[in-house]
PDB file of N, CA and C in Angstrom:
ATOM      1  N   UNK A   1     -17.062   0.560  58.882  1.00  0.00           N
ATOM      2  CA  UNK A   1     -16.174   1.283  58.513  1.00  0.00           C
ATOM      3  C   UNK A   1     -17.357   3.087  58.401  1.00  0.00           C
ATOM      4  N   UNK A   2     -16.467   3.766  58.076  1.00  0.00           N
ATOM      5  CA  UNK A   2     -17.194   4.927  57.828  1.00  0.00           C
ATOM      6  C   UNK A   2     -17.406   5.237  56.640  1.00  0.00           C
ATOM      7  N   UNK A   3     -17.598   7.085  56.470  1.00  0.00           N
ATOM      8  CA  UNK A   3     -18.422   7.637  55.441  1.00  0.00           C
ATOM      9  C   UNK A   3     -17.644   8.950  55.309  1.00  0.00           C
ATOM     10  N   UNK A   4     -17.449   9.311  53.821  1.00  0.00           N
ATOM     11  CA  UNK A   4     -16.716  10.633  53.627  1.00  0.00           C
ATOM     12  C   UNK A   4     -17.714  11.695  52.704  1.00  0.00           C
ATOM     13  N   UNK A   5     -17.551  12.705  53.083  1.00  0.00           N
ATOM     14  CA  UNK A   5     -18.767  13.598  52.121  1.00  0.00           C
ATOM     15  C   UNK A   5     -17.867  13.488  50.871  1.00  0.00           C
ATOM     16  N   UNK A   6     -18.642  13.998  49.746  1.00  0.00           N
ATOM     17  CA  UNK A   6     -17.822  14.271  48.899  1.00  0.00           C
ATOM     18  C   UNK A   6     -18.810  15.386  47.752  1.00  0.00           C
ATOM     19  N   UNK A   7     -17.495  15.748  47.117  1.00  0.00           N
ATOM     20  CA  UNK A   7     -18.598  16.917  46.249  1.00  0.00           C
ATOM     21  C   UNK A   7     -17.586  17.430  44.575  1.00  0.00           C
ATOM     22  N   UNK A   8     -18.686  16.948  43.722  1.00  0.00           N
ATOM     23  CA  UNK A   8     -17.930  17.086  42.496  1.00  0.00           C
ATOM     24  C   UNK A   8     -18.468  18.116  41.779  1.00  0.00           C
ATOM     25  N   UNK A   9     -17.707  18.757  40.946  1.00  0.00           N
ATOM     26  CA  UNK A   9     -18.480  19.698  39.632  1.00  0.00           C
ATOM     27  C   UNK A   9     -17.648  19.224  38.427  1.00  0.00           C
ATOM     28  N   UNK A  10     -18.881  19.204  37.418  1.00  0.00           N
ATOM     29  CA  UNK A  10     -18.469  18.477  36.181  1.00  0.00           C
ATOM     30  C   UNK A  10     -19.379  19.666  35.023  1.00  0.00           C
ATOM     31  N   UNK A  11     -18.124  20.244  34.131  1.00  0.00           N
ATOM     32  CA  UNK A  11     -18.694  21.350  33.230  1.00  0.00           C
ATOM     33  C   UNK A  11     -18.514  20.357  31.882  1.00  0.00           C
ATOM     34  N   UNK A  12     -19.595  21.084  30.678  1.00  0.00           N
ATOM     35  CA  UNK A  12     -18.923  20.390  29.294  1.00  0.00           C
ATOM     36  C   UNK A  12     -19.778  19.186  29.066  1.00  0.00           C
ATOM     37  N   UNK A  13     -21.176  18.746  29.838  1.00  0.00           N
ATOM     38  CA  UNK A  13     -21.780  17.345  29.326  1.00  0.00           C
ATOM     39  C   UNK A  13     -23.226  18.168  29.012  1.00  0.00           C
ATOM     40  N   UNK A  14     -23.748  17.696  28.188  1.00  0.00           N
ATOM     41  CA  UNK A  14     -24.991  17.826  28.045  1.00  0.00           C
ATOM     42  C   UNK A  14     -26.524  17.144  28.556  1.00  0.00           C
ATOM     43  N   UNK A  15     -26.148  16.182  29.277  1.00  0.00           N
ATOM     44  CA  UNK A  15     -27.145  15.595  30.559  1.00  0.00           C
ATOM     45  C   UNK A  15     -26.413  15.209  31.769  1.00  0.00           C
ATOM     46  N   UNK A  16     -27.219  14.970  33.001  1.00  0.00           N
ATOM     47  CA  UNK A  16     -26.346  14.786  34.038  1.00  0.00           C
ATOM     48  C   UNK A  16     -26.190  13.236  33.933  1.00  0.00           C
ATOM     49  N   UNK A  17     -26.656  12.604  33.173  1.00  0.00           N
ATOM     50  CA  UNK A  17     -26.410  10.858  33.062  1.00  0.00           C
ATOM     51  C   UNK A  17     -24.814  11.304  32.473  1.00  0.00           C
ATOM     52  N   UNK A  18     -24.691  11.816  31.437  1.00  0.00           N
ATOM     53  CA  UNK A  18     -23.414  11.839  30.911  1.00  0.00           C
ATOM     54  C   UNK A  18     -22.119  12.700  31.849  1.00  0.00           C
ATOM     55  N   UNK A  19     -22.424  13.476  32.691  1.00  0.00           N
ATOM     56  CA  UNK A  19     -21.550  14.007  33.388  1.00  0.00           C
ATOM     57  C   UNK A  19     -21.064  12.961  34.636  1.00  0.00           C
ATOM     58  N   UNK A  20     -22.231  12.235  35.081  1.00  0.00           N
ATOM     59  CA  UNK A  20     -21.936  11.406  36.216  1.00  0.00           C
ATOM     60  C   UNK A  20     -21.366  10.047  35.566  1.00  0.00           C
ATOM     61  N   UNK A  21     -21.629   9.586  34.250  1.00  0.00           N
ATOM     62  CA  UNK A  21     -20.994   8.139  33.824  1.00  0.00           C
ATOM     63  C   UNK A  21     -19.164   9.033  33.777  1.00  0.00           C
ATOM     64  N   UNK A  22     -19.499  10.020  33.325  1.00  0.00           N
ATOM     65  CA  UNK A  22     -17.636  10.862  33.263  1.00  0.00           C
ATOM     66  C   UNK A  22     -17.190  10.611  34.590  1.00  0.00           C
ATOM     67  N   UNK A  23     -17.922  11.293  35.378  1.00  0.00           N
ATOM     68  CA  UNK A  23     -16.990  11.683  36.839  1.00  0.00           C
ATOM     69  C   UNK A  23     -16.562  10.287  37.735  1.00  0.00           C
ATOM     70  N   UNK A  24     -17.697   9.428  37.871  1.00  0.00           N
ATOM     71  CA  UNK A  24     -17.509   8.276  38.348  1.00  0.00           C
ATOM     72  C   UNK A  24     -16.258   7.358  37.608  1.00  0.00           C
ATOM     73  N   UNK A  25     -16.488   7.374  36.320  1.00  0.00           N
ATOM     74  CA  UNK A  25     -15.417   6.782  35.594  1.00  0.00           C
ATOM     75  C   UNK A  25     -13.991   7.367  36.182  1.00  0.00           C
ATOM     76  N   UNK A  26     -13.464   8.682  35.967  1.00  0.00           N
ATOM     77  CA  UNK A  26     -12.940   9.203  36.262  1.00  0.00           C
ATOM     78  C   UNK A  26     -12.205   9.215  37.963  1.00  0.00           C
ATOM     79  N   UNK A  27     -13.361   9.142  38.750  1.00  0.00           N
ATOM     80  CA  UNK A  27     -12.543   8.958  39.838  1.00  0.00           C
ATOM     81  C   UNK A  27     -12.192   7.793  40.375  1.00  0.00           C
ATOM     82  N   UNK A  28     -12.996   6.330  39.938  1.00  0.00           N
ATOM     83  CA  UNK A  28     -12.506   5.166  39.826  1.00  0.00           C
ATOM     84  C   UNK A  28     -11.218   5.100  39.115  1.00  0.00           C
ATOM     85  N   UNK A  29     -10.613   5.497  38.289  1.00  0.00           N
ATOM     86  CA  UNK A  29      -9.769   5.821  37.624  1.00  0.00           C
ATOM     87  C   UNK A  29      -8.372   6.172  38.926  1.00  0.00           C
ATOM     88  N   UNK A  30      -8.699   7.190  39.223  1.00  0.00           N
ATOM     89  CA  UNK A  30      -8.033   8.299  40.086  1.00  0.00           C
ATOM     90  C   UNK A  30      -7.605   7.428  41.855  1.00  0.00           C
ATOM     91  N   UNK A  31      -8.967   6.928  42.267  1.00  0.00           N
ATOM     92  CA  UNK A  31      -8.886   6.025  43.250  1.00  0.00           C
ATOM     93  C   UNK A  31      -8.582   4.862  43.787  1.00  0.00           C
ATOM     94  N   UNK A  32      -9.083   3.762  42.626  1.00  0.00           N
ATOM     95  CA  UNK A  32      -9.077   2.902  42.534  1.00  0.00           C
ATOM     96  C   UNK A  32     -10.360   2.097  42.737  1.00  0.00           C
ATOM     97  N   UNK A  33     -10.172   0.563  42.325  1.00  0.00           N
ATOM     98  CA  UNK A  33     -12.023   0.048  42.072  1.00  0.00           C
ATOM     99  C   UNK A  33     -12.073  -0.508  43.266  1.00  0.00           C
ATOM    100  N   UNK A  34     -11.188  -0.751  44.631  1.00  0.00           N
ATOM    101  CA  UNK A  34     -11.467  -1.514  45.565  1.00  0.00           C
ATOM    102  C   UNK A  34     -12.468  -1.291  46.208  1.00  0.00           C
ATOM    103  N   UNK A  35     -13.335  -0.438  46.290  1.00  0.00           N
ATOM    104  CA  UNK A  35     -14.249  -0.038  47.076  1.00  0.00           C
ATOM    105  C   UNK A  35     -14.180   0.840  48.590  1.00  0.00           C
ATOM    106  N   UNK A  36     -15.033   1.640  49.279  1.00  0.00           N
ATOM    107  CA  UNK A  36     -14.640   2.161  50.364  1.00  0.00           C
ATOM    108  C   UNK A  36     -13.459   3.053  50.457  1.00  0.00           C
ATOM    109  N   UNK A  37     -13.783   3.984  49.446  1.00  0.00           N
ATOM    110  CA  UNK A  37     -12.992   5.181  48.991  1.00  0.00           C
ATOM    111  C   UNK A  37     -13.728   6.301  49.107  1.00  0.00           C
ATOM    112  N   UNK A  38     -14.877   6.514  49.549  1.00  0.00           N
ATOM    113  CA  UNK A  38     -15.267   7.952  50.473  1.00  0.00           C
ATOM    114  C   UNK A  38     -15.854   8.673  48.910  1.00  0.00           C
ATOM    115  N   UNK A  39     -15.488   8.402  48.114  1.00  0.00           N
ATOM    116  CA  UNK A  39     -15.884   9.022  46.903  1.00  0.00           C
ATOM    117  C   UNK A  39     -16.688   8.923  45.916  1.00  0.00           C
ATOM    118  N   UNK A  40     -17.458   9.569  45.140  1.00  0.00           N
ATOM    119  CA  UNK A  40     -18.668   9.073  44.010  1.00  0.00           C
ATOM    120  C   UNK A  40     -18.123   8.152  43.466  1.00  0.00           C
ATOM    121  N   UNK A  41     -16.720   7.411  43.565  1.00  0.00           N
ATOM    122  CA  UNK A  41     -16.781   5.840  42.697  1.00  0.00           C
ATOM    123  C   UNK A  41     -17.650   5.287  43.479  1.00  0.00           C
ATOM    124  N   UNK A  42     -17.957   4.912  44.283  1.00  0.00           N
ATOM    125  CA  UNK A  42     -18.680   3.850  45.337  1.00  0.00           C
ATOM    126  C   UNK A  42     -20.202   4.083  44.598  1.00  0.00           C
ATOM    127  N   UNK A  43     -20.511   5.240  44.057  1.00  0.00           N
ATOM    128  CA  UNK A  43     -22.283   5.350  43.517  1.00  0.00           C
ATOM    129  C   UNK A  43     -22.506   4.831  42.392  1.00  0.00           C
ATOM    130  N   UNK A  44     -23.177   4.252  42.254  1.00  0.00           N
ATOM    131  CA  UNK A  44     -24.034   3.187  40.785  1.00  0.00           C
ATOM    132  C   UNK A  44     -24.861   4.239  40.475  1.00  0.00           C
ATOM    133  N   UNK A  45     -25.489   5.369  41.074  1.00  0.00           N
ATOM    134  CA  UNK A  45     -26.490   5.825  40.580  1.00  0.00           C
ATOM    135  C   UNK A  45     -26.654   7.085  41.072  1.00  0.00           C
ATOM    136  N   UNK A  46     -27.697   8.013  40.746  1.00  0.00           N
ATOM    137  CA  UNK A  46     -27.730   9.681  41.043  1.00  0.00           C
ATOM    138  C   UNK A  46     -29.605   9.958  40.854  1.00  0.00           C
ATOM    139  N   UNK A  47     -29.443  10.874  41.951  1.00  0.00           N
ATOM    140  CA  UNK A  47     -30.768  11.290  42.067  1.00  0.00           C
ATOM    141  C   UNK A  47     -30.959  12.826  41.741  1.00  0.00           C
ATOM    142  N   UNK A  48     -31.427  13.634  41.164  1.00  0.00           N
ATOM    143  CA  UNK A  48     -31.600  15.077  40.700  1.00  0.00           C
ATOM    144  C   UNK A  48     -32.305  15.396  41.961  1.00  0.00           C
ATOM    145  N   UNK A  49     -31.486  16.707  42.536  1.00  0.00           N
ATOM    146  CA  UNK A  49     -32.392  17.271  43.522  1.00  0.00           C
ATOM    147  C   UNK A  49     -32.971  18.733  43.070  1.00  0.00           C
ATOM    148  N   UNK A  50     -34.237  18.628  43.099  1.00  0.00           N
ATOM    149  CA  UNK A  50     -35.308  20.205  43.229  1.00  0.00           C
ATOM    150  C   UNK A  50     -34.498  21.300  43.869  1.00  0.00           C
ATOM    151  N   UNK A  51     -34.002  22.083  43.552  1.00  0.00           N
ATOM    152  CA  UNK A  51     -33.456  23.526  44.159  1.00  0.00           C
ATOM    153  C   UNK A  51     -34.748  24.297  44.252  1.00  0.00           C
ATOM    154  N   UNK A  52     -34.941  24.914  45.655  1.00  0.00           N
ATOM    155  CA  UNK A  52     -35.984  25.726  45.408  1.00  0.00           C
ATOM    156  C   UNK A  52     -35.889  26.986  44.808  1.00  0.00           C
ATOM    157  N   UNK A  53     -37.128  27.961  44.013  1.00  0.00           N
ATOM    158  CA  UNK A  53     -36.773  29.135  43.605  1.00  0.00           C
ATOM    159  C   UNK A  53     -35.987  29.982  44.226  1.00  0.00           C
ATOM    160  N   UNK A  54     -35.028  30.790  43.306  1.00  0.00           N
ATOM    161  CA  UNK A  54     -34.224  32.133  43.823  1.00  0.00           C
ATOM    162  C   UNK A  54     -33.056  31.530  45.299  1.00  0.00           C
ATOM    163  N   UNK A  55     -32.761  29.799  44.880  1.00  0.00           N
ATOM    164  CA  UNK A  55     -31.577  29.198  45.446  1.00  0.00           C
ATOM    165  C   UNK A  55     -30.353  29.125  44.773  1.00  0.00           C
ATOM    166  N   UNK A  56     -29.658  29.224  45.425  1.00  0.00           N
ATOM    167  CA  UNK A  56     -28.505  29.162  44.456  1.00  0.00           C
ATOM    168  C   UNK A  56     -27.657  27.183  44.494  1.00  0.00           C
ATOM    169  N   UNK A  57     -27.936  26.722  43.157  1.00  0.00           N
ATOM    170  CA  UNK A  57     -27.808  25.368  43.688  1.00  0.00           C
ATOM    171  C   UNK A  57     -26.683  24.645  44.292  1.00  0.00           C
ATOM    172  N   UNK A  58     -25.652  24.990  44.095  1.00  0.00           N
ATOM    173  CA  UNK A  58     -24.520  24.504  45.228  1.00  0.00           C
ATOM    174  C   UNK A  58     -24.731  25.405  46.345  1.00  0.00           C
ATOM    175  N   UNK A  59     -25.260  26.297  46.603  1.00  0.00           N
ATOM    176  CA  UNK A  59     -25.380  26.947  47.838  1.00  0.00           C
ATOM    177  C   UNK A  59     -26.619  25.896  48.556  1.00  0.00           C
ATOM    178  N   UNK A  60     -27.092  25.423  48.160  1.00  0.00           N
ATOM    179  CA  UNK A  60     -28.226  24.185  48.457  1.00  0.00           C
ATOM    180  C   UNK A  60     -27.664  23.546  49.011  1.00  0.00           C
ATOM    181  N   UNK A  61     -27.004  22.721  48.113  1.00  0.00           N
ATOM    182  CA  UNK A  61     -26.815  21.198  47.967  1.00  0.00           C
ATOM    183  C   UNK A  61     -26.064  21.368  49.385  1.00  0.00           C
ATOM    184  N   UNK A  62     -24.841  22.520  49.497  1.00  0.00           N
ATOM    185  CA  UNK A  62     -24.118  22.389  50.756  1.00  0.00           C
ATOM    186  C   UNK A  62     -24.711  22.193  51.800  1.00  0.00           C
ATOM    187  N   UNK A  63     -26.069  23.126  51.875  1.00  0.00           N
ATOM    188  CA  UNK A  63     -26.767  23.218  53.071  1.00  0.00           C
ATOM    189  C   UNK A  63     -27.096  22.025  53.460  1.00  0.00           C
ATOM    190  N   UNK A  64     -27.477  20.991  52.508  1.00  0.00           N
ATOM    191  CA  UNK A  64     -28.343  19.755  52.894  1.00  0.00           C
ATOM    192  C   UNK A  64     -27.226  18.944  53.027  1.00  0.00           C
ATOM    193  N   UNK A  65     -25.610  18.775  52.747  1.00  0.00           N
ATOM    194  CA  UNK A  65     -25.160  18.159  53.568  1.00  0.00           C
ATOM    195  C   UNK A  65     -24.567  18.425  54.733  1.00  0.00           C
ATOM    196  N   UNK A  66     -24.297  19.818  55.248  1.00  0.00           N
ATOM    197  CA  UNK A  66     -23.948  20.333  56.032  1.00  0.00           C
ATOM    198  C   UNK A  66     -25.346  19.914  56.987  1.00  0.00           C
ATOM    199  N   UNK A  67     -26.599  20.264  56.957  1.00  0.00           N
ATOM    200  CA  UNK A  67     -27.298  20.177  57.545  1.00  0.00           C
ATOM    201  C   UNK A  67     -27.929  19.114  58.331  1.00  0.00           C
ATOM    202  N   UNK A  68     -27.138  17.560  57.960  1.00  0.00           N
ATOM    203  CA  UNK A  68     -27.505  16.581  57.966  1.00  0.00           C
ATOM    204  C   UNK A  68     -28.479  16.230  57.202  1.00  0.00           C
ATOM    205  N   UNK A  69     -29.106  16.504  56.080  1.00  0.00           N
ATOM    206  CA  UNK A  69     -30.077  16.059  55.394  1.00  0.00           C
ATOM    207  C   UNK A  69     -30.590  14.584  55.027  1.00  0.00           C
ATOM    208  N   UNK A  70     -31.403  13.455  55.500  1.00  0.00           N
ATOM    209  CA  UNK A  70     -31.218  12.103  55.516  1.00  0.00           C
ATOM    210  C   UNK A  70     -31.181  11.843  54.202  1.00  0.00           C
ATOM    211  N   UNK A  71     -31.887  12.359  53.416  1.00  0.00           N
ATOM    212  CA  UNK A  71     -31.884  12.422  51.932  1.00  0.00           C
ATOM    213  C   UNK A  71     -30.428  12.098  51.264  1.00  0.00           C
ATOM    214  N   UNK A  72     -29.495  12.976  51.748  1.00  0.00           N
ATOM    215  CA  UNK A  72     -28.579  12.768  51.417  1.00  0.00           C
ATOM    216  C   UNK A  72     -27.350  12.379  51.686  1.00  0.00           C
ATOM    217  N   UNK A  73     -27.436  12.034  53.560  1.00  0.00           N
ATOM    218  CA  UNK A  73     -26.499  11.240  54.123  1.00  0.00           C
ATOM    219  C   UNK A  73     -26.410  10.033  54.534  1.00  0.00           C
ATOM    220  N   UNK A  74     -26.900   9.145  53.453  1.00  0.00           N
ATOM    221  CA  UNK A  74     -26.956   7.767  53.289  1.00  0.00           C
ATOM    222  C   UNK A  74     -25.585   6.958  52.816  1.00  0.00           C
ATOM    223  N   UNK A  75     -24.693   6.728  53.090  1.00  0.00           N
ATOM    224  CA  UNK A  75     -23.553   6.272  52.373  1.00  0.00           C
ATOM    225  C   UNK A  75     -23.700   5.084  51.468  1.00  0.00           C
ATOM    226  N   UNK A  76     -25.017   4.676  51.771  1.00  0.00           N
ATOM    227  CA  UNK A  76     -25.361   3.350  50.793  1.00  0.00           C
ATOM    228  C   UNK A  76     -25.990   3.786  49.588  1.00  0.00           C
ATOM    229  N   UNK A  77     -26.618   4.924  49.830  1.00  0.00           N
ATOM    230  CA  UNK A  77     -27.723   5.856  48.646  1.00  0.00           C
ATOM    231  C   UNK A  77     -26.807   6.043  47.311  1.00  0.00           C
ATOM    232  N   UNK A  78     -28.288   6.344  46.504  1.00  0.00           N
ATOM    233  CA  UNK A  78     -27.580   6.947  45.224  1.00  0.00           C
ATOM    234  C   UNK A  78     -26.670   8.461  45.359  1.00  0.00           C
ATOM    235  N   UNK A  79     -26.010   8.376  44.272  1.00  0.00           N
ATOM    236  CA  UNK A  79     -25.066  10.337  44.690  1.00  0.00           C
ATOM    237  C   UNK A  79     -26.452  11.430  44.695  1.00  0.00           C
ATOM    238  N   UNK A  80     -26.340  12.688  44.625  1.00  0.00           N
ATOM    239  CA  UNK A  80     -27.257  13.744  44.240  1.00  0.00           C
ATOM    240  C   UNK A  80     -26.860  14.567  43.452  1.00  0.00           C
ATOM    241  N   UNK A  81     -27.691  15.337  42.656  1.00  0.00           N
ATOM    242  CA  UNK A  81     -26.895  16.065  41.708  1.00  0.00           C
ATOM    243  C   UNK A  81     -27.730  17.432  41.747  1.00  0.00           C
ATOM    244  N   UNK A  82     -27.103  18.387  41.351  1.00  0.00           N
ATOM    245  CA  UNK A  82     -28.029  19.473  41.110  1.00  0.00           C
ATOM    246  C   UNK A  82     -27.282  20.310  39.813  1.00  0.00           C
ATOM    247  N   UNK A  83     -28.412  21.113  39.365  1.00  0.00           N
ATOM    248  CA  UNK A  83     -27.692  21.520  37.878  1.00  0.00           C
ATOM    249  C   UNK A  83     -27.623  22.861  38.088  1.00  0.00           C
ATOM    250  N   UNK A  84     -26.807  23.391  37.495  1.00  0.00           N
ATOM    251  CA  UNK A  84     -25.932  25.074  37.589  1.00  0.00           C
ATOM    252  C   UNK A  84     -25.089  25.588  36.521  1.00  0.00           C
ATOM    253  N   UNK A  85     -25.583  26.930  36.181  1.00  0.00           N
ATOM    254  CA  UNK A  85     -25.332  27.590  35.263  1.00  0.00           C
ATOM    255  C   UNK A  85     -23.689  28.109  35.215  1.00  0.00           C
ATOM    256  N   UNK A  86     -22.612  26.928  34.175  1.00  0.00           N
ATOM    257  CA  UNK A  86     -21.712  27.536  34.364  1.00  0.00           C
ATOM    258  C   UNK A  86     -21.231  28.505  33.874  1.00  0.00           C
ATOM    259  N   UNK A  87     -22.012  29.162  33.074  1.00  0.00           N
ATOM    260  CA  UNK A  87     -21.680  30.501  32.586  1.00  0.00           C
ATOM    261  C   UNK A  87     -21.189  29.936  30.730  1.00  0.00           C
ATOM    262  N   UNK A  88     -21.624  30.880  30.258  1.00  0.00           N
ATOM    263  CA  UNK A  88     -20.947  31.048  28.391  1.00  0.00           C
ATOM    264  C   UNK A  88     -21.913  30.054  27.406  1.00  0.00           C
ATOM    265  N   UNK A  89     -23.097  30.148  28.429  1.00  0.00           N
ATOM    266  CA  UNK A  89     -23.902  29.050  28.126  1.00  0.00           C
ATOM    267  C   UNK A  89     -24.085  27.451  28.149  1.00  0.00           C
ATOM    268  N   UNK A  90     -22.969  27.416  29.319  1.00  0.00           N
ATOM    269  CA  UNK A  90     -22.673  25.777  29.303  1.00  0.00           C
ATOM    270  C   UNK A  90     -23.720  25.527  31.097  1.00  0.00           C
ATOM    271  N   UNK A  91     -24.183  24.376  30.815  1.00  0.00           N
ATOM    272  CA  UNK A  91     -24.366  23.666  31.844  1.00  0.00           C
ATOM    273  C   UNK A  91     -23.075  22.759  32.951  1.00  0.00           C
ATOM    274  N   UNK A  92     -23.848  23.123  34.213  1.00  0.00           N
ATOM    275  CA  UNK A  92     -22.394  22.417  35.141  1.00  0.00           C
ATOM    276  C   UNK A  92     -23.171  21.184  35.561  1.00  0.00           C
ATOM    277  N   UNK A  93     -23.058  20.266  36.633  1.00  0.00           N
ATOM    278  CA  UNK A  93     -23.794  19.447  37.355  1.00  0.00           C
ATOM    279  C   UNK A  93     -23.234  19.358  38.264  1.00  0.00           C
ATOM    280  N   UNK A  94     -23.147  19.352  39.533  1.00  0.00           N
ATOM    281  CA  UNK A  94     -22.892  19.489  41.075  1.00  0.00           C
ATOM    282  C   UNK A  94     -23.282  17.915  41.548  1.00  0.00           C
ATOM    283  N   UNK A  95     -22.267  17.497  41.782  1.00  0.00           N
ATOM    284  CA  UNK A  95     -22.807  16.348  42.418  1.00  0.00           C
ATOM    285  C   UNK A  95     -21.989  16.001  43.635  1.00  0.00           C
ATOM    286  N   UNK A  96     -23.357  15.309  44.654  1.00  0.00           N
ATOM    287  CA  UNK A  96     -22.686  15.300  46.258  1.00  0.00           C
ATOM    288  C   UNK A  96     -23.205  14.420  47.334  1.00  0.00           C
ATOM    289  N   UNK A  97     -22.786  14.409  48.350  1.00  0.00           N
ATOM    290  CA  UNK A  97     -23.223  13.288  49.099  1.00  0.00           C
ATOM    291  C   UNK A  97     -22.475  12.650  50.247  1.00  0.00           C
ATOM    292  N   UNK A  98     -22.554  11.039  50.729  1.00  0.00           N
ATOM    293  CA  UNK A  98     -21.581  10.911  51.476  1.00  0.00           C
ATOM    294  C   UNK A  98     -21.895   9.243  50.897  1.00  0.00           C
ATOM    295  N   UNK A  99     -20.671   9.026  51.078  1.00  0.00           N
ATOM    296  CA  UNK A  99     -20.329   7.647  50.311  1.00  0.00           C
ATOM    297  C   UNK A  99     -19.441   7.085  51.518  1.00  0.00           C
ATOM    298  N   UNK A 100     -19.235   5.522  51.472  1.00  0.00           N
ATOM    299  CA  UNK A 100     -18.642   4.523  52.078  1.00  0.00           C
ATOM    300  C   UNK A 100     -17.011   4.785  52.126  1.00  0.00           C
ATOM    301  N   UNK A 101     -16.519   4.522  53.389  1.00  0.00           N
ATOM    302  CA  UNK A 101     -14.823   4.532  53.152  1.00  0.00           C
ATOM    303  C   UNK A 101     -14.022   3.931  54.034  1.00  0.00           C
TER     304      UNK A 101
END
């Protein structure tokens, strides 16, 4: 079995947990429950990633994926998340990683 990268932006939730619960449920609805979708639907947990001062959160997350950072490239590991400013006082959560496909 292989692996696929996934990225999901979620806005409108107060916490990362609420956003994660929403996006995994929504993705399972869209992609099915059979497993090996290569999406966040395969993940049962997530971990927050600390973004270095002065870095854009989404750019940093994409860098971690593109550079093959071992923390975020484990298809059996958790999803990863960075928080970003979605504007107008809203928080956004960017979930990313690699999932089994």
